[in-house]
Amino acid sequence: MPQCEHTSKLSQCAQLAVEGSRFCAKHSPDPQIGLKMQYRLNKAKYRERYAEFMESDQLRTLNSEISILRTVMEERFNMITNDSEMLASCGQLASLATTIERLVKSCHILESKLGSLLAKPTLLGIANDIVQILLRELTDVPEYEALVDRISEQIITVIMKAK
């Protein structure tokens, strides 16, 4: 690979140019090249795969990674056949458990920031609005208040059971 062609007042950059470019990741005019190089993806096939991941909206969550790690942990557990193997794998299992915990926390924080999660007080406020709509719309129905009470109790039960 050729050397980066970027020059400063003092010298030329000593880094290698990124494949397909005249510049290294730091000096490339393409900002995506710099991002790809966070992982030192020197091979084109890896940079292409990274670009595919970056374009996917589904990958902005950590759910896939959490699922993979839980599967790995389950498989590791299933490989244990006796007490000595259990003791020998405690470190690996603890490390996996810690990683899963961190990913779950990070996922929850991301979803909260993106507005994907609603807090129970918010849901209860929405339920109250729904009940008010029902009260207004069902006034012509005989015994509508008892009907709305039953419906609102069911809505609140569903919200309170939600995790």
Protein backbone atom coordinates (compact mmCIF):
# COMPACT_ATOMS: atom_id res chain seq x y z
CA MET A 1 0.00 0.00 0.00
CA PRO A 2 1.32 3.48 -0.78
CA GLN A 3 2.03 6.11 1.83
CA CYS A 4 -0.56 8.81 2.61
CA GLU A 5 -0.03 11.82 0.32
CA HIS A 6 -0.98 14.40 2.96
CA THR A 7 1.80 16.86 3.70
CA SER A 8 2.15 19.47 6.43
CA LYS A 9 4.68 22.31 6.74
CA LEU A 10 7.12 19.92 8.36
CA SER A 11 6.69 16.57 6.62
CA GLN A 12 4.58 14.05 4.78
CA CYS A 13 2.19 11.82 6.76
CA ALA A 14 3.90 8.52 7.63
CA GLN A 15 0.66 6.46 7.64
CA LEU A 16 -0.28 4.12 4.83
CA ALA A 17 -3.03 5.19 2.48
CA VAL A 18 -6.38 3.46 2.81
CA GLU A 19 -7.02 0.92 0.06
CA GLY A 20 -8.61 2.72 -2.87
CA SER A 21 -7.53 6.18 -1.65
CA ARG A 22 -4.44 8.36 -1.82
CA PHE A 23 -4.79 9.29 1.88
CA CYS A 24 -4.87 7.59 5.28
CA ALA A 25 -8.09 7.51 7.31
CA LYS A 26 -7.14 10.66 9.24
CA HIS A 27 -6.47 12.77 6.16
CA SER A 28 -9.04 11.37 3.74
CA PRO A 29 -11.53 13.88 2.33
CA ASP A 30 -14.20 11.16 2.71
CA PRO A 31 -15.38 11.35 6.36
CA GLN A 32 -16.76 7.80 6.16
CA ILE A 33 -13.25 6.44 5.66
CA GLY A 34 -12.21 7.88 9.01
CA LEU A 35 -15.19 6.27 10.69
CA LYS A 36 -14.46 2.91 9.13
CA MET A 37 -10.91 3.06 10.29
CA GLN A 38 -11.97 3.25 13.95
CA TYR A 39 -11.82 -0.52 13.67
CA ARG A 40 -8.66 -0.58 11.52
CA LEU A 41 -10.55 -2.19 8.69
CA ASN A 42 -7.74 -2.44 6.18
CA LYS A 43 -9.44 -4.97 3.90
CA ALA A 44 -12.13 -3.83 1.49
CA LYS A 45 -14.51 -6.69 2.37
CA TYR A 46 -14.51 -5.62 6.03
CA ARG A 47 -15.06 -1.95 5.19
CA GLU A 48 -17.97 -2.91 2.93
CA ARG A 49 -19.56 -5.03 5.63
CA TYR A 50 -19.06 -2.20 8.15
CA ALA A 51 -20.79 0.20 5.74
CA GLU A 52 -23.73 -2.22 5.49
CA PHE A 53 -24.02 -2.32 9.27
CA MET A 54 -23.87 1.48 9.49
CA GLU A 55 -26.73 1.84 6.99
CA SER A 56 -29.09 -0.45 8.88
CA ASP A 57 -31.60 1.25 11.18
CA GLN A 58 -32.22 -2.08 12.93
CA LEU A 59 -28.60 -2.13 14.09
CA ARG A 60 -28.97 1.13 15.99
CA THR A 61 -30.23 -1.03 18.85
CA LEU A 62 -28.25 -3.58 20.78
CA ASN A 63 -30.94 -6.26 20.75
CA SER A 64 -29.13 -8.43 18.20
CA GLU A 65 -25.91 -8.36 20.19
CA ILE A 66 -27.75 -9.16 23.41
CA SER A 67 -29.41 -12.14 21.72
CA ILE A 68 -26.11 -13.42 20.38
CA LEU A 69 -24.41 -13.14 23.76
CA ARG A 70 -27.29 -14.87 25.52
CA THR A 71 -27.06 -17.68 22.98
CA VAL A 72 -23.30 -17.96 23.52
CA MET A 73 -23.81 -18.06 27.29
CA GLU A 74 -26.50 -20.72 26.97
CA GLU A 75 -24.27 -22.82 24.72
CA ARG A 76 -21.38 -22.48 27.16
CA PHE A 77 -23.64 -23.62 29.99
CA ASN A 78 -24.82 -26.58 27.94
CA MET A 79 -21.24 -27.71 27.39
CA ILE A 80 -20.73 -28.20 31.14
CA THR A 81 -20.98 -31.85 32.12
CA ASN A 82 -19.57 -31.94 35.67
CA ASP A 83 -18.69 -29.81 38.69
CA SER A 84 -15.05 -29.29 37.75
CA GLU A 85 -16.06 -27.95 34.31
CA MET A 86 -18.54 -25.66 36.05
CA LEU A 87 -15.81 -24.26 38.26
CA ALA A 88 -13.44 -23.91 35.32
CA SER A 89 -16.00 -21.94 33.30
CA CYS A 90 -17.07 -19.55 36.08
CA GLY A 91 -14.80 -16.79 34.77
CA GLN A 92 -16.14 -17.02 31.22
CA LEU A 93 -19.75 -17.16 32.40
CA ALA A 94 -19.28 -14.23 34.76
CA SER A 95 -17.67 -12.21 31.97
CA LEU A 96 -20.55 -13.01 29.62
CA ALA A 97 -23.10 -12.12 32.30
CA THR A 98 -21.39 -8.78 32.94
CA THR A 99 -21.25 -8.00 29.23
CA ILE A 100 -24.91 -8.87 28.78
CA GLU A 101 -25.84 -6.68 31.75
CA ARG A 102 -23.93 -3.73 30.27
CA LEU A 103 -25.52 -4.20 26.87
CA VAL A 104 -29.02 -4.41 28.37
CA LYS A 105 -28.42 -1.20 30.32
CA SER A 106 -27.00 0.53 27.24
CA CYS A 107 -29.92 -0.68 25.13
CA HIS A 108 -32.41 0.65 27.68
CA ILE A 109 -30.65 4.02 27.77
CA LEU A 110 -30.60 4.24 23.96
CA GLU A 111 -34.25 3.28 23.65
CA SER A 112 -35.20 5.83 26.30
CA LYS A 113 -33.25 8.57 24.53
CA LEU A 114 -34.77 7.64 21.19
CA GLY A 115 -38.26 7.69 22.70
CA SER A 116 -38.83 4.00 22.12
CA LEU A 117 -39.88 3.45 25.72
CA LEU A 118 -42.70 5.09 27.62
CA ALA A 119 -42.64 5.38 31.39
CA LYS A 120 -45.64 4.05 33.31
CA PRO A 121 -46.78 7.55 34.36
CA THR A 122 -46.87 8.51 30.67
CA LEU A 123 -48.85 5.38 29.83
CA LEU A 124 -51.28 6.09 32.67
CA GLY A 125 -51.77 9.60 31.27
CA ILE A 126 -52.51 8.12 27.85
CA ALA A 127 -54.96 5.67 29.46
CA ASN A 128 -56.72 8.59 31.15
CA ASP A 129 -57.04 10.35 27.79
CA ILE A 130 -58.49 7.18 26.26
CA VAL A 131 -61.05 6.92 29.07
CA GLN A 132 -62.07 10.55 28.54
CA ILE A 133 -62.54 9.86 24.81
CA LEU A 134 -64.68 6.82 25.62
CA LEU A 135 -66.81 8.84 28.05
CA ARG A 136 -67.46 11.51 25.41
CA GLU A 137 -68.16 9.06 22.57
CA LEU A 138 -70.37 6.59 24.46
CA THR A 139 -72.77 9.00 26.14
CA ASP A 140 -75.70 7.67 24.08
CA VAL A 141 -75.07 4.05 25.18
CA PRO A 142 -77.17 2.91 28.14
CA GLU A 143 -75.06 2.43 31.28
CA TYR A 144 -72.00 3.76 29.45
CA GLU A 145 -70.29 4.83 32.68
CA ALA A 146 -70.14 1.25 34.00
CA LEU A 147 -68.85 0.08 30.62
CA VAL A 148 -66.12 2.74 30.59
CA ASP A 149 -65.18 1.85 34.18
CA ARG A 150 -64.70 -1.81 33.21
CA ILE A 151 -62.65 -0.86 30.16
CA SER A 152 -60.48 1.58 32.11
CA GLU A 153 -59.78 -1.02 34.80
CA GLN A 154 -58.61 -3.43 32.10
CA ILE A 155 -56.38 -0.78 30.52
CA ILE A 156 -54.78 0.06 33.87
CA THR A 157 -54.23 -3.63 34.64
CA VAL A 158 -52.43 -4.10 31.31
CA ILE A 159 -50.21 -1.05 31.96
CA MET A 160 -49.34 -2.11 35.50
CA LYS A 161 -48.38 -5.61 34.31
CA ALA A 162 -46.10 -4.19 31.63
CA LYS A 163 -42.40 -4.44 32.32
